[in-house]
Protein backbone atom coordinates (compact mmCIF):
# COMPACT_ATOMS: atom_id res chain seq x y z
CA MET A 1 194.03 -3.91 64.84
CA LEU A 2 192.39 -0.60 65.61
CA ILE A 3 192.27 0.51 61.99
CA ALA A 4 190.50 -2.70 60.96
CA ALA A 5 188.08 -2.31 63.86
CA LEU A 6 187.24 1.22 62.78
CA ARG A 7 186.58 0.01 59.25
CA ARG A 8 184.01 -2.45 60.64
CA GLU A 9 182.54 0.20 62.95
CA ALA A 10 182.21 2.73 60.14
CA SER A 11 180.11 0.32 58.09
CA THR A 12 177.57 -0.17 60.90
CA ALA A 13 177.77 3.10 62.83
CA THR A 14 174.63 4.78 64.09
CA THR A 15 174.24 8.20 65.60
CA SER A 16 173.97 8.37 69.37
CA PRO A 17 172.93 11.43 71.45
CA LEU A 18 176.63 12.25 71.94
CA CYS A 19 177.53 11.96 68.26
CA CYS A 20 177.73 14.38 65.41
CA ALA A 21 176.00 13.53 62.14
CA ALA A 22 177.08 10.05 61.09
CA SER A 23 178.36 11.30 57.73
CA GLU A 24 180.87 13.69 59.31
CA PRO A 25 184.33 12.88 60.70
CA ILE A 26 183.81 12.51 64.44
CA ALA A 27 186.39 13.19 67.11
CA ILE A 28 186.76 10.91 70.09
CA ALA A 29 187.72 12.42 73.40
CA ILE A 30 189.26 10.01 75.87
CA ILE A 31 189.88 11.28 79.36
CA GLU A 32 191.71 8.95 81.67
CA GLY A 33 192.21 10.63 85.04
CA ARG A 34 195.50 9.61 86.58
CA GLY A 35 196.12 11.72 89.65
CA ASP A 36 195.46 11.61 93.37
CA VAL A 37 191.75 12.18 92.87
CA ALA A 38 190.77 10.88 89.45
CA LYS A 39 190.92 7.12 89.05
CA LYS A 40 192.26 5.73 85.81
CA ARG A 41 189.67 3.90 83.83
CA GLN A 42 190.46 0.23 83.38
CA ASP A 43 191.28 -1.01 79.89
CA SER A 44 188.27 -3.29 79.98
CA GLU A 45 186.00 -0.26 80.24
CA THR A 46 187.53 1.57 77.26
CA ASP A 47 188.11 -1.37 74.93
CA GLY A 48 185.72 -1.22 72.01
CA SER A 49 184.92 2.47 72.38
CA VAL A 50 182.92 3.73 69.42
CA ALA A 51 184.00 6.73 67.37
CA GLY A 52 181.90 9.72 68.27
CA GLU A 53 181.48 8.81 71.93
CA ILE A 54 182.99 10.96 74.62
CA VAL A 55 184.54 8.65 77.18
CA VAL A 56 185.21 10.34 80.49
CA ALA A 57 186.97 8.94 83.51
CA PRO A 58 184.29 7.96 85.98
CA VAL A 59 183.77 10.44 88.80
CA ARG A 60 181.79 9.30 91.82
CA THR A 61 178.95 11.73 92.48
CA VAL A 62 178.55 12.70 96.10
CA ILE A 63 176.28 15.73 95.94
CA GLY A 64 172.84 15.57 97.45
CA ARG A 65 173.17 12.24 99.24
CA PRO A 66 175.33 10.55 101.88
CA MET A 67 178.46 8.86 100.65
CA SER A 68 178.21 5.17 99.86
CA PRO A 69 179.47 3.01 102.73
CA ARG A 70 181.78 1.30 100.23
CA ILE A 71 183.91 4.43 99.88
CA ALA A 72 183.37 5.83 103.34
CA GLY A 73 186.44 6.40 105.49
CA THR A 74 189.89 6.72 104.00
CA PHE A 75 188.94 7.59 100.43
CA VAL A 76 185.82 9.70 100.76
CA HIS A 77 187.81 12.96 100.89
CA PHE A 78 189.23 12.18 97.43
CA SER A 79 185.71 12.26 95.97
CA VAL A 80 184.88 15.49 97.77
CA ALA A 81 188.13 17.12 96.59
CA ASN A 82 187.39 15.93 93.05
CA GLU A 83 183.96 17.54 93.03
CA ILE A 84 185.12 20.85 94.52
CA GLY A 85 188.16 20.92 92.21
CA GLN A 86 186.01 20.43 89.13
CA ARG A 87 183.69 23.25 90.21
CA ILE A 88 186.62 25.61 90.69
CA VAL A 89 188.31 24.83 87.38
CA ARG A 90 185.11 25.08 85.34
CA GLY A 91 184.42 28.51 86.86
CA ASP A 92 181.60 27.90 89.33
CA TYR A 93 183.81 29.62 91.90
CA PRO A 94 185.96 32.27 90.15
CA PRO A 95 189.34 33.34 91.58
CA GLY A 96 188.83 35.39 94.73
CA SER A 97 185.53 33.71 95.59
CA ILE A 98 184.94 32.76 99.20
CA LEU A 99 183.88 29.13 99.30
CA PRO A 100 181.16 27.59 101.46
CA ASN A 101 182.31 26.83 104.97
CA GLU A 102 182.91 23.39 106.42
CA ALA A 103 179.37 23.02 107.73
CA GLU A 104 177.88 23.96 104.36
CA TRP A 105 180.13 21.57 102.42
CA SER A 106 179.42 18.86 104.98
CA GLU A 107 175.67 19.22 104.53
CA MET A 108 175.98 19.49 100.74
CA PHE A 109 177.97 16.27 100.39
CA GLY A 110 176.55 14.35 103.32
CA VAL A 111 179.96 13.85 104.92
CA GLY A 112 181.68 14.81 108.16
CA ARG A 113 183.62 18.04 108.62
CA SER A 114 186.89 16.15 108.97
CA VAL A 115 186.38 14.82 105.44
CA VAL A 116 185.85 18.35 104.13
CA ARG A 117 189.00 19.56 105.91
CA GLU A 118 191.08 16.83 104.27
CA ALA A 119 189.62 17.66 100.85
CA ILE A 120 190.42 21.36 101.31
CA LYS A 121 194.01 20.48 102.28
CA MET A 122 194.38 18.50 99.06
CA LEU A 123 193.18 21.44 96.97
CA MET A 124 195.45 23.83 98.85
CA ALA A 125 198.41 21.56 97.99
CA LYS A 126 197.49 22.04 94.33
CA ASN A 127 197.44 25.83 94.90
CA LEU A 128 193.78 26.11 93.94
CA LEU A 129 192.79 27.38 97.38
CA ALA A 130 194.05 29.37 100.32
CA SER A 131 192.52 29.40 103.79
CA ARG A 132 192.68 31.38 107.02
CA PRO A 133 190.93 30.96 110.36
CA LYS A 134 187.78 33.09 110.77
CA ILE A 135 187.88 33.94 107.07
CA GLY A 136 187.51 30.57 105.42
CA SER A 137 188.76 29.30 102.09
CA TRP A 138 188.96 31.23 98.84
CA VAL A 139 190.00 30.48 95.27
CA GLU A 140 193.53 31.50 94.35
CA PRO A 141 194.35 33.40 91.10
CA ARG A 142 194.74 31.06 88.12
CA GLU A 143 198.41 31.88 87.69
CA ARG A 144 199.09 30.21 91.04
CA TRP A 145 197.37 26.94 90.16
CA ASN A 146 199.62 23.94 89.70
CA LEU A 147 198.87 23.17 86.06
CA LEU A 148 201.36 20.29 86.04
CA ASP A 149 199.19 18.44 88.56
CA ARG A 150 197.41 15.51 86.91
CA ASP A 151 194.13 16.16 88.68
CA VAL A 152 194.06 19.82 87.65
CA LEU A 153 194.76 18.79 84.06
CA THR A 154 191.97 16.23 84.21
CA TRP A 155 189.54 18.83 85.56
CA TYR A 156 190.48 21.17 82.73
CA ALA A 157 189.79 18.36 80.28
CA ALA A 158 186.21 18.18 81.56
CA SER A 159 185.67 21.94 81.80
CA PRO A 160 184.04 24.35 79.34
CA GLN A 161 187.55 25.77 78.71
CA ARG A 162 188.92 22.39 77.60
CA HIS A 163 189.33 23.37 73.93
CA ASP A 164 191.31 26.52 74.75
CA PHE A 165 193.42 24.60 77.22
CA LEU A 166 194.17 21.92 74.65
CA LYS A 167 195.43 24.61 72.29
CA THR A 168 197.63 25.92 75.11
CA VAL A 169 199.09 22.45 75.54
CA GLN A 170 199.77 22.33 71.80
CA GLU A 171 201.72 25.59 72.02
CA PHE A 172 203.76 24.10 74.84
CA ARG A 173 204.50 21.06 72.68
CA TYR A 174 205.72 23.28 69.83
CA ILE A 175 208.19 24.89 72.23
CA ILE A 176 209.52 21.61 73.66
CA GLU A 177 209.13 18.62 71.37
CA PRO A 178 210.89 19.64 68.11
CA GLU A 179 214.09 20.53 69.97
CA ALA A 180 213.82 17.42 72.15
CA ALA A 181 213.60 15.29 69.00
CA ALA A 182 216.66 17.03 67.53
CA LEU A 183 218.64 16.38 70.70
CA SER A 184 217.48 12.76 70.71
CA ALA A 185 218.74 12.30 67.17
CA VAL A 186 222.21 13.35 68.32
CA ARG A 187 222.35 11.82 71.80
CA ARG A 188 220.14 8.72 71.86
CA SER A 189 221.68 5.44 72.94
CA ALA A 190 220.86 2.10 71.32
CA GLU A 191 218.60 1.22 74.23
CA GLU A 192 216.78 4.56 74.06
CA MET A 193 216.35 4.16 70.30
CA GLU A 194 214.81 0.74 70.83
CA ALA A 195 212.30 2.22 73.29
CA ILE A 196 211.28 4.86 70.73
CA SER A 197 211.01 2.31 67.91
CA ARG A 198 209.08 -0.19 70.04
CA ALA A 199 206.50 2.41 71.08
CA CYS A 200 206.06 3.46 67.45
CA ARG A 201 205.48 -0.16 66.37
CA GLU A 202 203.01 -0.70 69.21
CA MET A 203 201.01 2.32 68.06
CA GLY A 204 200.56 0.74 64.65
CA GLN A 205 199.70 -2.65 66.15
CA ALA A 206 197.23 -1.36 68.76
CA SER A 207 193.80 -3.00 68.70
CA THR A 208 192.00 -0.44 70.87
CA LEU A 209 192.05 3.32 71.32
CA SER A 210 193.34 3.02 74.88
CA GLU A 211 196.27 0.86 73.71
CA ARG A 212 197.08 3.31 70.93
CA THR A 213 196.99 6.28 73.32
CA ALA A 214 199.26 4.50 75.80
CA ALA A 215 201.77 3.65 73.07
CA ASP A 216 201.61 7.23 71.74
CA THR A 217 202.47 8.52 75.21
CA ARG A 218 205.37 6.08 75.57
CA PHE A 219 206.70 7.23 72.20
CA HIS A 220 206.83 10.92 73.12
CA LEU A 221 208.19 10.32 76.62
CA ALA A 222 210.91 8.04 75.23
CA ILE A 223 212.03 10.89 72.96
CA LEU A 224 212.21 13.27 75.93
CA ARG A 225 214.33 10.79 77.87
CA ALA A 226 216.61 10.22 74.90
CA ALA A 227 217.23 13.98 74.62
CA GLY A 228 219.55 13.64 77.62
CA ASN A 229 218.49 16.84 79.39
CA GLU A 230 217.27 16.30 82.95
CA LEU A 231 215.21 19.49 82.93
CA LEU A 232 213.01 18.02 80.21
CA LEU A 233 211.93 15.11 82.37
CA PRO A 234 209.57 17.05 84.69
CA LEU A 235 207.98 18.63 81.60
CA GLY A 236 207.24 15.13 80.42
CA ALA A 237 204.55 14.94 83.08
CA LEU A 238 202.54 17.57 81.22
CA ILE A 239 202.95 15.82 77.88
CA ASP A 240 202.01 12.55 79.57
CA SER A 241 198.91 14.12 81.06
CA ALA A 242 198.10 15.93 77.83
CA LEU A 243 198.17 12.73 75.80
CA GLU A 244 196.54 10.41 78.34
CA GLY A 245 194.64 12.75 80.61
CA LEU A 246 193.38 15.42 78.25
CA PHE A 247 191.75 15.05 74.86
CA VAL A 248 193.10 12.61 72.34
CA PHE A 249 191.34 13.40 69.09
CA VAL A 250 190.95 10.49 66.73
CA THR A 251 188.73 10.48 63.66
CA ARG A 252 186.71 7.57 62.42
CA GLU A 253 188.42 7.85 59.03
CA VAL A 254 190.99 5.14 58.45
CA ASN A 255 193.09 7.38 56.19
CA ASP A 256 193.59 9.85 59.06
CA LEU A 257 194.85 7.10 61.37
CA LEU A 258 197.23 5.87 58.69
CA HIS A 259 198.49 9.41 58.12
CA ALA A 260 199.12 9.94 61.85
CA GLN A 261 201.02 6.65 62.00
CA ASP A 262 203.14 7.70 59.02
CA LEU A 263 204.01 10.97 60.78
CA HIS A 264 205.14 9.12 63.92
CA GLU A 265 207.22 6.73 61.82
CA ASP A 266 208.88 9.72 60.12
CA ILE A 267 209.96 10.99 63.54
CA GLU A 268 211.25 7.56 64.54
CA ARG A 269 213.22 7.20 61.30
CA THR A 270 214.90 10.62 61.49
CA ILE A 271 215.98 10.00 65.09
CA ARG A 272 217.26 6.52 64.18
CA LEU A 273 219.24 7.98 61.25
CA GLN A 274 220.57 10.72 63.57
CA ARG A 275 219.30 13.62 61.44
CA PRO A 276 218.45 16.39 63.97
CA GLU A 277 217.07 18.99 61.55
CA ALA A 278 214.88 16.41 59.84
CA ALA A 279 213.66 15.30 63.27
CA ARG A 280 212.64 18.86 64.12
CA LYS A 281 210.66 19.16 60.90
CA ALA A 282 209.02 15.76 61.36
CA VAL A 283 207.73 16.70 64.83
CA ARG A 284 206.41 20.02 63.54
CA ARG A 285 204.51 18.19 60.80
CA LEU A 286 202.94 15.92 63.41
CA LEU A 287 201.94 18.86 65.61
CA ALA A 288 200.51 20.69 62.60
CA ASN A 289 198.40 17.64 61.83
CA THR A 290 197.12 17.64 65.41
CA ASP A 291 196.33 21.35 65.08
CA GLU A 292 194.27 20.58 61.99
CA ILE A 293 192.27 17.90 63.77
CA ILE A 294 191.65 20.11 66.81
CA ALA A 295 190.57 23.04 64.65
CA THR A 296 188.36 21.27 62.11
CA ARG A 297 186.88 18.56 64.31
CA GLY A 298 187.04 20.26 67.67
CA GLY A 299 185.05 23.34 66.70
CA GLY A 300 187.84 25.88 66.76
CA GLY A 301 187.98 26.98 63.13
CA ARG A 302 191.09 26.84 60.99
CA PRO A 303 194.46 26.58 62.78
CA GLU A 304 197.00 29.36 62.71
CA ARG A 305 199.82 28.93 60.22
CA ARG A 306 203.24 28.40 61.77
């Protein structure tokens, strides 16, 4: 199990260049890109991750050299769109900026102009860019960006604004998840309850961080589905991306993992017993715990009281 593995790791841990001091609780950030551009990291690559590492979904670098023949052709524009998208989201090209033209991008990445055109079309579909003949492409205002897009979320997760964006996601969760849990307690079917309970058990039985994160995501999405409101389902994509595609903070301390598991089990129990007000409170306790981890281990100071 993951908790047992972390006990063993804690007894032999050494400090790497990406780690904090070994004596401090260390947060792990797992980013698993899952959209059109970012490729999800295979479980075999994340199994055995060490607390204190920052594991980022691999991004193929294309700048400064021709593209590898292995990815030439159909998929090369995904890599180009990924690189340009990351630069936009991290602020290299602020809103309103005119971007390099096709010839300049083509030379920069070592690809053909048709590849650049396809990449620009992908970014326009995400509302990051607009383009006109004889003017070129420019960055759209942030309020127009499609923040429910998995790639955009993944780029935020790797940007200097990632901590602020994570706090924004937390605020969104406070608005949605307590009420969704209360509705689930009233409306859930036996099958939906089993899905919630199974995901909760799988969290506790997980042997790797990637397995635990996947089970955590299934748990929260199962609650949204059990709420019985169709308008909640599209919002589940953001929670899905937030839990799997953005930062999942986990400490190396076994007691913290046990506490988080207890909080999830409290939610599961209140929904199973059909106690809506208790379910609301249980979700808020879980979110407050996440706030605490983000604030104290993510460098943001103490969380606001709610």
